[in-house]
Amino acid sequence: MEYHLPLLAMSEEQLAALLAKLKDDAGLQEKLKGAADLDAVLAIAKDAGFDISKAAWLRYQANQTLELSDEELEGIAGGNLIGHTGILICDDMQG
């Protein structure tokens, strides 16, 4: 699938807004924890008023993975993921 830069930029802005909301919204965090897959994550985000593309979400996840310390990577390997989606909850998201 081909993405146009303006659409991807808008989606990334929406993702940034969602991540900001997650810092203060434990209920939304819990909903995302229960998501079965990326499609479910995006549907939950859309229900919360955020229009995020798969490409923007995957880019975010890749960047988060690249920034992890060895200790954080070990924690993920030990199962510290949210649900089955591979969604990381970063310290900055938890307030």
PDB file of N, CA and C in Angstrom:
ATOM      1  N   MET A   1       0.845  -1.162   0.000  1.00  0.00           N
ATOM      2  CA  MET A   1       0.000   0.000   0.000  1.00  0.00           C
ATOM      3  C   MET A   1       0.895   1.232   0.000  1.00  0.00           C
ATOM      4  N   GLU A   2       0.576   2.168  -0.829  1.00  0.00           N
ATOM      5  CA  GLU A   2       1.354   3.398  -0.940  1.00  0.00           C
ATOM      6  C   GLU A   2       0.718   4.477  -0.061  1.00  0.00           C
ATOM      7  N   TYR A   3       1.559   5.166   0.707  1.00  0.00           N
ATOM      8  CA  TYR A   3       1.073   6.238   1.559  1.00  0.00           C
ATOM      9  C   TYR A   3       1.593   7.562   1.041  1.00  0.00           C
ATOM     10  N   HIS A   4       0.737   8.536   1.026  1.00  0.00           N
ATOM     11  CA  HIS A   4       1.136   9.874   0.623  1.00  0.00           C
ATOM     12  C   HIS A   4       1.629  10.616   1.858  1.00  0.00           C
ATOM     13  N   LEU A   5       2.693  11.385   1.717  1.00  0.00           N
ATOM     14  CA  LEU A   5       3.311  12.042   2.861  1.00  0.00           C
ATOM     15  C   LEU A   5       2.359  12.907   3.672  1.00  0.00           C
ATOM     16  N   PRO A   6       1.499  13.720   3.068  1.00  0.00           N
ATOM     17  CA  PRO A   6       0.590  14.522   3.901  1.00  0.00           C
ATOM     18  C   PRO A   6      -0.337  13.660   4.755  1.00  0.00           C
ATOM     19  N   LEU A   7      -0.830  12.560   4.194  1.00  0.00           N
ATOM     20  CA  LEU A   7      -1.706  11.677   4.961  1.00  0.00           C
ATOM     21  C   LEU A   7      -0.956  11.011   6.090  1.00  0.00           C
ATOM     22  N   LEU A   8       0.269  10.574   5.844  1.00  0.00           N
ATOM     23  CA  LEU A   8       1.067   9.944   6.881  1.00  0.00           C
ATOM     24  C   LEU A   8       1.390  10.957   7.973  1.00  0.00           C
ATOM     25  N   ALA A   9       1.709  12.189   7.604  1.00  0.00           N
ATOM     26  CA  ALA A   9       2.008  13.231   8.586  1.00  0.00           C
ATOM     27  C   ALA A   9       0.786  13.505   9.466  1.00  0.00           C
ATOM     28  N   MET A  10      -0.401  13.560   8.850  1.00  0.00           N
ATOM     29  CA  MET A  10      -1.623  13.764   9.630  1.00  0.00           C
ATOM     30  C   MET A  10      -1.834  12.607  10.586  1.00  0.00           C
ATOM     31  N   SER A  11      -1.607  11.408  10.116  1.00  0.00           N
ATOM     32  CA  SER A  11      -1.777  10.228  10.951  1.00  0.00           C
ATOM     33  C   SER A  11      -0.782  10.245  12.111  1.00  0.00           C
ATOM     34  N   GLU A  12       0.452  10.678  11.839  1.00  0.00           N
ATOM     35  CA  GLU A  12       1.456  10.744  12.894  1.00  0.00           C
ATOM     36  C   GLU A  12       1.094  11.816  13.923  1.00  0.00           C
ATOM     37  N   GLU A  13       0.470  12.916  13.480  1.00  0.00           N
ATOM     38  CA  GLU A  13      -0.014  13.931  14.414  1.00  0.00           C
ATOM     39  C   GLU A  13      -1.113  13.343  15.298  1.00  0.00           C
ATOM     40  N   GLN A  14      -1.996  12.563  14.695  1.00  0.00           N
ATOM     41  CA  GLN A  14      -3.052  11.908  15.452  1.00  0.00           C
ATOM     42  C   GLN A  14      -2.456  10.926  16.466  1.00  0.00           C
ATOM     43  N   LEU A  15      -1.423  10.202  16.063  1.00  0.00           N
ATOM     44  CA  LEU A  15      -0.754   9.270  16.957  1.00  0.00           C
ATOM     45  C   LEU A  15      -0.131  10.011  18.132  1.00  0.00           C
ATOM     46  N   ALA A  16       0.519  11.134  17.868  1.00  0.00           N
ATOM     47  CA  ALA A  16       1.116  11.934  18.944  1.00  0.00           C
ATOM     48  C   ALA A  16       0.037  12.396  19.924  1.00  0.00           C
ATOM     49  N   ALA A  17      -1.118  12.789  19.407  1.00  0.00           N
ATOM     50  CA  ALA A  17      -2.225  13.215  20.264  1.00  0.00           C
ATOM     51  C   ALA A  17      -2.753  12.044  21.096  1.00  0.00           C
ATOM     52  N   LEU A  18      -2.850  10.865  20.487  1.00  0.00           N
ATOM     53  CA  LEU A  18      -3.282   9.677  21.222  1.00  0.00           C
ATOM     54  C   LEU A  18      -2.295   9.352  22.334  1.00  0.00           C
ATOM     55  N   LEU A  19      -1.005   9.382  22.044  1.00  0.00           N
ATOM     56  CA  LEU A  19       0.004   9.070  23.052  1.00  0.00           C
ATOM     57  C   LEU A  19      -0.056  10.062  24.207  1.00  0.00           C
ATOM     58  N   ALA A  20      -0.314  11.327  23.899  1.00  0.00           N
ATOM     59  CA  ALA A  20      -0.457  12.333  24.949  1.00  0.00           C
ATOM     60  C   ALA A  20      -1.665  12.020  25.828  1.00  0.00           C
ATOM     61  N   LYS A  21      -2.761  11.620  25.196  1.00  0.00           N
ATOM     62  CA  LYS A  21      -3.973  11.279  25.950  1.00  0.00           C
ATOM     63  C   LYS A  21      -3.743  10.061  26.831  1.00  0.00           C
ATOM     64  N   LEU A  22      -2.970   9.106  26.348  1.00  0.00           N
ATOM     65  CA  LEU A  22      -2.720   7.887  27.108  1.00  0.00           C
ATOM     66  C   LEU A  22      -2.018   8.153  28.437  1.00  0.00           C
ATOM     67  N   LYS A  23      -1.264   9.227  28.506  1.00  0.00           N
ATOM     68  CA  LYS A  23      -0.567   9.553  29.749  1.00  0.00           C
ATOM     69  C   LYS A  23      -1.542   9.768  30.893  1.00  0.00           C
ATOM     70  N   ASP A  24      -2.736  10.277  30.594  1.00  0.00           N
ATOM     71  CA  ASP A  24      -3.709  10.635  31.621  1.00  0.00           C
ATOM     72  C   ASP A  24      -4.982   9.795  31.593  1.00  0.00           C
ATOM     73  N   ASP A  25      -5.073   8.835  30.694  1.00  0.00           N
ATOM     74  CA  ASP A  25      -6.325   8.095  30.528  1.00  0.00           C
ATOM     75  C   ASP A  25      -6.091   6.601  30.748  1.00  0.00           C
ATOM     76  N   ALA A  26      -6.212   6.184  31.996  1.00  0.00           N
ATOM     77  CA  ALA A  26      -5.991   4.782  32.345  1.00  0.00           C
ATOM     78  C   ALA A  26      -7.017   3.869  31.664  1.00  0.00           C
ATOM     79  N   GLY A  27      -8.225   4.376  31.472  1.00  0.00           N
ATOM     80  CA  GLY A  27      -9.257   3.571  30.818  1.00  0.00           C
ATOM     81  C   GLY A  27      -8.889   3.241  29.383  1.00  0.00           C
ATOM     82  N   LEU A  28      -8.366   4.226  28.673  1.00  0.00           N
ATOM     83  CA  LEU A  28      -7.937   3.994  27.296  1.00  0.00           C
ATOM     84  C   LEU A  28      -6.731   3.063  27.263  1.00  0.00           C
ATOM     85  N   GLN A  29      -5.820   3.216  28.225  1.00  0.00           N
ATOM     86  CA  GLN A  29      -4.687   2.299  28.309  1.00  0.00           C
ATOM     87  C   GLN A  29      -5.174   0.866  28.461  1.00  0.00           C
ATOM     88  N   GLU A  30      -6.170   0.651  29.331  1.00  0.00           N
ATOM     89  CA  GLU A  30      -6.707  -0.688  29.558  1.00  0.00           C
ATOM     90  C   GLU A  30      -7.357  -1.255  28.300  1.00  0.00           C
ATOM     91  N   LYS A  31      -8.085  -0.402  27.575  1.00  0.00           N
ATOM     92  CA  LYS A  31      -8.696  -0.862  26.325  1.00  0.00           C
ATOM     93  C   LYS A  31      -7.625  -1.334  25.350  1.00  0.00           C
ATOM     94  N   LEU A  32      -6.547  -0.561  25.239  1.00  0.00           N
ATOM     95  CA  LEU A  32      -5.473  -0.944  24.319  1.00  0.00           C
ATOM     96  C   LEU A  32      -4.777  -2.209  24.781  1.00  0.00           C
ATOM     97  N   LYS A  33      -4.664  -2.399  26.087  1.00  0.00           N
ATOM     98  CA  LYS A  33      -4.054  -3.627  26.608  1.00  0.00           C
ATOM     99  C   LYS A  33      -4.839  -4.856  26.173  1.00  0.00           C
ATOM    100  N   GLY A  34      -6.143  -4.702  26.055  1.00  0.00           N
ATOM    101  CA  GLY A  34      -6.994  -5.823  25.683  1.00  0.00           C
ATOM    102  C   GLY A  34      -7.130  -6.046  24.187  1.00  0.00           C
ATOM    103  N   ALA A  35      -6.493  -5.199  23.395  1.00  0.00           N
ATOM    104  CA  ALA A  35      -6.619  -5.327  21.938  1.00  0.00           C
ATOM    105  C   ALA A  35      -5.966  -6.622  21.458  1.00  0.00           C
ATOM    106  N   ALA A  36      -6.656  -7.315  20.574  1.00  0.00           N
ATOM    107  CA  ALA A  36      -6.175  -8.604  20.074  1.00  0.00           C
ATOM    108  C   ALA A  36      -5.110  -8.456  18.992  1.00  0.00           C
ATOM    109  N   ASP A  37      -5.170  -7.360  18.245  1.00  0.00           N
ATOM    110  CA  ASP A  37      -4.224  -7.176  17.142  1.00  0.00           C
ATOM    111  C   ASP A  37      -4.177  -5.699  16.761  1.00  0.00           C
ATOM    112  N   LEU A  38      -3.364  -5.380  15.783  1.00  0.00           N
ATOM    113  CA  LEU A  38      -3.196  -3.991  15.378  1.00  0.00           C
ATOM    114  C   LEU A  38      -4.498  -3.391  14.852  1.00  0.00           C
ATOM    115  N   ASP A  39      -5.284  -4.175  14.142  1.00  0.00           N
ATOM    116  CA  ASP A  39      -6.567  -3.658  13.657  1.00  0.00           C
ATOM    117  C   ASP A  39      -7.459  -3.243  14.829  1.00  0.00           C
ATOM    118  N   ALA A  40      -7.437  -4.035  15.902  1.00  0.00           N
ATOM    119  CA  ALA A  40      -8.226  -3.702  17.091  1.00  0.00           C
ATOM    120  C   ALA A  40      -7.700  -2.433  17.751  1.00  0.00           C
ATOM    121  N   VAL A  41      -6.376  -2.278  17.798  1.00  0.00           N
ATOM    122  CA  VAL A  41      -5.771  -1.068  18.358  1.00  0.00           C
ATOM    123  C   VAL A  41      -6.244   0.155  17.582  1.00  0.00           C
ATOM    124  N   LEU A  42      -6.188   0.071  16.272  1.00  0.00           N
ATOM    125  CA  LEU A  42      -6.583   1.203  15.438  1.00  0.00           C
ATOM    126  C   LEU A  42      -8.075   1.496  15.572  1.00  0.00           C
ATOM    127  N   ALA A  43      -8.887   0.447  15.751  1.00  0.00           N
ATOM    128  CA  ALA A  43     -10.329   0.653  15.950  1.00  0.00           C
ATOM    129  C   ALA A  43     -10.595   1.343  17.285  1.00  0.00           C
ATOM    130  N   ILE A  44      -9.871   0.943  18.336  1.00  0.00           N
ATOM    131  CA  ILE A  44     -10.020   1.583  19.646  1.00  0.00           C
ATOM    132  C   ILE A  44      -9.603   3.044  19.546  1.00  0.00           C
ATOM    133  N   ALA A  45      -8.501   3.295  18.863  1.00  0.00           N
ATOM    134  CA  ALA A  45      -8.025   4.670  18.680  1.00  0.00           C
ATOM    135  C   ALA A  45      -9.076   5.490  17.932  1.00  0.00           C
ATOM    136  N   LYS A  46      -9.661   4.898  16.898  1.00  0.00           N
ATOM    137  CA  LYS A  46     -10.676   5.616  16.106  1.00  0.00           C
ATOM    138  C   LYS A  46     -11.900   5.925  16.959  1.00  0.00           C
ATOM    139  N   ASP A  47     -12.324   4.954  17.782  1.00  0.00           N
ATOM    140  CA  ASP A  47     -13.460   5.183  18.678  1.00  0.00           C
ATOM    141  C   ASP A  47     -13.171   6.312  19.666  1.00  0.00           C
ATOM    142  N   ALA A  48     -11.885   6.490  20.003  1.00  0.00           N
ATOM    143  CA  ALA A  48     -11.484   7.555  20.928  1.00  0.00           C
ATOM    144  C   ALA A  48     -11.273   8.888  20.209  1.00  0.00           C
ATOM    145  N   GLY A  49     -11.460   8.891  18.869  1.00  0.00           N
ATOM    146  CA  GLY A  49     -11.374  10.128  18.108  1.00  0.00           C
ATOM    147  C   GLY A  49     -10.051  10.358  17.396  1.00  0.00           C
ATOM    148  N   PHE A  50      -9.248   9.314  17.248  1.00  0.00           N
ATOM    149  CA  PHE A  50      -7.939   9.446  16.609  1.00  0.00           C
ATOM    150  C   PHE A  50      -7.893   8.580  15.352  1.00  0.00           C
ATOM    151  N   ASP A  51      -7.517   9.174  14.243  1.00  0.00           N
ATOM    152  CA  ASP A  51      -7.434   8.468  12.964  1.00  0.00           C
ATOM    153  C   ASP A  51      -5.959   8.179  12.679  1.00  0.00           C
ATOM    154  N   ILE A  52      -5.539   6.952  12.976  1.00  0.00           N
ATOM    155  CA  ILE A  52      -4.132   6.565  12.878  1.00  0.00           C
ATOM    156  C   ILE A  52      -3.993   5.450  11.854  1.00  0.00           C
ATOM    157  N   SER A  53      -3.014   5.573  10.979  1.00  0.00           N
ATOM    158  CA  SER A  53      -2.770   4.536   9.979  1.00  0.00           C
ATOM    159  C   SER A  53      -1.877   3.436  10.548  1.00  0.00           C
ATOM    160  N   LYS A  54      -1.952   2.288   9.920  1.00  0.00           N
ATOM    161  CA  LYS A  54      -1.058   1.195  10.309  1.00  0.00           C
ATOM    162  C   LYS A  54       0.392   1.613  10.135  1.00  0.00           C
ATOM    163  N   ALA A  55       0.689   2.318   9.057  1.00  0.00           N
ATOM    164  CA  ALA A  55       2.069   2.738   8.789  1.00  0.00           C
ATOM    165  C   ALA A  55       2.591   3.632   9.905  1.00  0.00           C
ATOM    166  N   ALA A  56       1.783   4.580  10.370  1.00  0.00           N
ATOM    167  CA  ALA A  56       2.216   5.478  11.436  1.00  0.00           C
ATOM    168  C   ALA A  56       2.440   4.707  12.730  1.00  0.00           C
ATOM    169  N   TRP A  57       1.522   3.780  13.036  1.00  0.00           N
ATOM    170  CA  TRP A  57       1.674   2.991  14.268  1.00  0.00           C
ATOM    171  C   TRP A  57       2.917   2.116  14.195  1.00  0.00           C
ATOM    172  N   LEU A  58       3.131   1.449  13.076  1.00  0.00           N
ATOM    173  CA  LEU A  58       4.294   0.569  12.940  1.00  0.00           C
ATOM    174  C   LEU A  58       5.600   1.358  12.982  1.00  0.00           C
ATOM    175  N   ARG A  59       5.601   2.544  12.399  1.00  0.00           N
ATOM    176  CA  ARG A  59       6.788   3.396  12.453  1.00  0.00           C
ATOM    177  C   ARG A  59       7.083   3.787  13.904  1.00  0.00           C
ATOM    178  N   TYR A  60       6.039   4.147  14.646  1.00  0.00           N
ATOM    179  CA  TYR A  60       6.194   4.485  16.063  1.00  0.00           C
ATOM    180  C   TYR A  60       6.776   3.302  16.828  1.00  0.00           C
ATOM    181  N   GLN A  61       6.203   2.121  16.618  1.00  0.00           N
ATOM    182  CA  GLN A  61       6.679   0.918  17.317  1.00  0.00           C
ATOM    183  C   GLN A  61       8.146   0.643  16.998  1.00  0.00           C
ATOM    184  N   ALA A  62       8.511   0.772  15.740  1.00  0.00           N
ATOM    185  CA  ALA A  62       9.904   0.535  15.341  1.00  0.00           C
ATOM    186  C   ALA A  62      10.832   1.527  16.023  1.00  0.00           C
ATOM    187  N   ASN A  63      10.440   2.790  16.065  1.00  0.00           N
ATOM    188  CA  ASN A  63      11.264   3.806  16.725  1.00  0.00           C
ATOM    189  C   ASN A  63      11.384   3.543  18.213  1.00  0.00           C
ATOM    190  N   GLN A  64      10.289   3.110  18.846  1.00  0.00           N
ATOM    191  CA  GLN A  64      10.339   2.800  20.270  1.00  0.00           C
ATOM    192  C   GLN A  64      11.282   1.628  20.541  1.00  0.00           C
ATOM    193  N   THR A  65      11.236   0.631  19.685  1.00  0.00           N
ATOM    194  CA  THR A  65      12.103  -0.533  19.848  1.00  0.00           C
ATOM    195  C   THR A  65      13.560  -0.137  19.706  1.00  0.00           C
ATOM    196  N   LEU A  66      13.876   0.720  18.758  1.00  0.00           N
ATOM    197  CA  LEU A  66      15.255   1.160  18.549  1.00  0.00           C
ATOM    198  C   LEU A  66      15.792   1.943  19.739  1.00  0.00           C
ATOM    199  N   GLU A  67      14.911   2.603  20.489  1.00  0.00           N
ATOM    200  CA  GLU A  67      15.329   3.443  21.604  1.00  0.00           C
ATOM    201  C   GLU A  67      15.406   2.700  22.932  1.00  0.00           C
ATOM    202  N   LEU A  68      15.037   1.425  22.963  1.00  0.00           N
ATOM    203  CA  LEU A  68      15.018   0.682  24.219  1.00  0.00           C
ATOM    204  C   LEU A  68      16.420   0.338  24.697  1.00  0.00           C
ATOM    205  N   SER A  69      16.575   0.348  26.015  1.00  0.00           N
ATOM    206  CA  SER A  69      17.837  -0.092  26.609  1.00  0.00           C
ATOM    207  C   SER A  69      17.869  -1.623  26.625  1.00  0.00           C
ATOM    208  N   ASP A  70      19.022  -2.181  26.933  1.00  0.00           N
ATOM    209  CA  ASP A  70      19.138  -3.636  27.024  1.00  0.00           C
ATOM    210  C   ASP A  70      18.189  -4.191  28.085  1.00  0.00           C
ATOM    211  N   GLU A  71      18.053  -3.484  29.213  1.00  0.00           N
ATOM    212  CA  GLU A  71      17.164  -3.936  30.283  1.00  0.00           C
ATOM    213  C   GLU A  71      15.704  -3.947  29.816  1.00  0.00           C
ATOM    214  N   GLU A  72      15.316  -2.902  29.092  1.00  0.00           N
ATOM    215  CA  GLU A  72      13.945  -2.841  28.590  1.00  0.00           C
ATOM    216  C   GLU A  72      13.696  -3.942  27.565  1.00  0.00           C
ATOM    217  N   LEU A  73      14.677  -4.216  26.719  1.00  0.00           N
ATOM    218  CA  LEU A  73      14.526  -5.300  25.746  1.00  0.00           C
ATOM    219  C   LEU A  73      14.379  -6.640  26.442  1.00  0.00           C
ATOM    220  N   GLU A  74      15.129  -6.843  27.522  1.00  0.00           N
ATOM    221  CA  GLU A  74      15.000  -8.084  28.290  1.00  0.00           C
ATOM    222  C   GLU A  74      13.613  -8.190  28.901  1.00  0.00           C
ATOM    223  N   GLY A  75      13.061  -7.063  29.373  1.00  0.00           N
ATOM    224  CA  GLY A  75      11.718  -7.069  29.934  1.00  0.00           C
ATOM    225  C   GLY A  75      10.680  -7.444  28.904  1.00  0.00           C
ATOM    226  N   ILE A  76      10.838  -6.936  27.692  1.00  0.00           N
ATOM    227  CA  ILE A  76       9.909  -7.275  26.617  1.00  0.00           C
ATOM    228  C   ILE A  76      10.028  -8.758  26.280  1.00  0.00           C
ATOM    229  N   ALA A  77      11.245  -9.238  26.214  1.00  0.00           N
ATOM    230  CA  ALA A  77      11.451 -10.658  25.934  1.00  0.00           C
ATOM    231  C   ALA A  77      10.800 -11.513  27.018  1.00  0.00           C
ATOM    232  N   GLY A  78      10.718 -10.964  28.233  1.00  0.00           N
ATOM    233  CA  GLY A  78      10.091 -11.666  29.348  1.00  0.00           C
ATOM    234  C   GLY A  78       8.587 -11.520  29.379  1.00  0.00           C
ATOM    235  N   GLY A  79       7.997 -10.808  28.427  1.00  0.00           N
ATOM    236  CA  GLY A  79       6.550 -10.739  28.318  1.00  0.00           C
ATOM    237  C   GLY A  79       5.928  -9.431  28.751  1.00  0.00           C
ATOM    238  N   ASN A  80       6.687  -8.369  28.914  1.00  0.00           N
ATOM    239  CA  ASN A  80       6.110  -7.091  29.322  1.00  0.00           C
ATOM    240  C   ASN A  80       5.536  -6.334  28.138  1.00  0.00           C
ATOM    241  N   LEU A  81       4.644  -6.970  27.418  1.00  0.00           N
ATOM    242  CA  LEU A  81       3.935  -6.357  26.305  1.00  0.00           C
ATOM    243  C   LEU A  81       2.476  -6.203  26.698  1.00  0.00           C
ATOM    244  N   ILE A  82       1.809  -5.313  26.067  1.00  0.00           N
ATOM    245  CA  ILE A  82       0.379  -5.147  26.295  1.00  0.00           C
ATOM    246  C   ILE A  82      -0.351  -6.060  25.327  1.00  0.00           C
ATOM    247  N   GLY A  83      -1.167  -6.920  25.853  1.00  0.00           N
ATOM    248  CA  GLY A  83      -1.971  -7.800  25.007  1.00  0.00           C
ATOM    249  C   GLY A  83      -1.102  -8.643  24.093  1.00  0.00           C
ATOM    250  N   HIS A  84      -1.636  -8.968  22.953  1.00  0.00           N
ATOM    251  CA  HIS A  84      -0.921  -9.775  21.969  1.00  0.00           C
ATOM    252  C   HIS A  84      -0.465  -8.943  20.786  1.00  0.00           C
ATOM    253  N   THR A  85      -0.582  -7.641  20.898  1.00  0.00           N
ATOM    254  CA  THR A  85      -0.334  -6.774  19.758  1.00  0.00           C
ATOM    255  C   THR A  85       1.102  -6.313  19.658  1.00  0.00           C
ATOM    256  N   GLY A  86       1.869  -6.497  20.712  1.00  0.00           N
ATOM    257  CA  GLY A  86       3.216  -5.969  20.721  1.00  0.00           C
ATOM    258  C   GLY A  86       3.237  -4.473  20.998  1.00  0.00           C
ATOM    259  N   ILE A  87       2.203  -3.973  21.646  1.00  0.00           N
ATOM    260  CA  ILE A  87       2.128  -2.556  21.962  1.00  0.00           C
ATOM    261  C   ILE A  87       2.936  -2.328  23.233  1.00  0.00           C
ATOM    262  N   LEU A  88       3.872  -1.438  23.153  1.00  0.00           N
ATOM    263  CA  LEU A  88       4.710  -1.125  24.300  1.00  0.00           C
ATOM    264  C   LEU A  88       4.074   0.011  25.096  1.00  0.00           C
ATOM    265  N   ILE A  89       4.068  -0.146  26.423  1.00  0.00           N
ATOM    266  CA  ILE A  89       3.727   1.000  27.264  1.00  0.00           C
ATOM    267  C   ILE A  89       5.038   1.518  27.766  1.00  0.00           C
ATOM    268  N   CYS A  90       5.366   2.723  27.374  1.00  0.00           N
ATOM    269  CA  CYS A  90       6.621   3.362  27.762  1.00  0.00           C
ATOM    270  C   CYS A  90       6.414   4.095  29.075  1.00  0.00           C
ATOM    271  N   ASP A  91       7.487   4.276  29.821  1.00  0.00           N
ATOM    272  CA  ASP A  91       7.403   4.992  31.082  1.00  0.00           C
ATOM    273  C   ASP A  91       6.758   6.352  30.910  1.00  0.00           C
ATOM    274  N   ASP A  92       7.048   7.041  29.814  1.00  0.00           N
ATOM    275  CA  ASP A  92       6.491   8.373  29.617  1.00  0.00           C
ATOM    276  C   ASP A  92       4.995   8.344  29.349  1.00  0.00           C
ATOM    277  N   MET A  93       4.449   7.212  28.948  1.00  0.00           N
ATOM    278  CA  MET A  93       3.020   7.093  28.722  1.00  0.00           C
ATOM    279  C   MET A  93       2.285   6.871  30.026  1.00  0.00           C
ATOM    280  N   GLN A  94       2.960   6.301  31.025  1.00  0.00           N
ATOM    281  CA  GLN A  94       2.310   5.969  32.267  1.00  0.00           C
ATOM    282  C   GLN A  94       2.326   7.127  33.263  1.00  0.00           C
ATOM    283  N   GLY A  95       2.859   8.257  32.858  1.00  0.00           N
ATOM    284  CA  GLY A  95       2.814   9.438  33.703  1.00  0.00           C
ATOM    285  C   GLY A  95       3.939   9.410  34.647  1.00  0.00           C
TER     286      GLY A  95
END
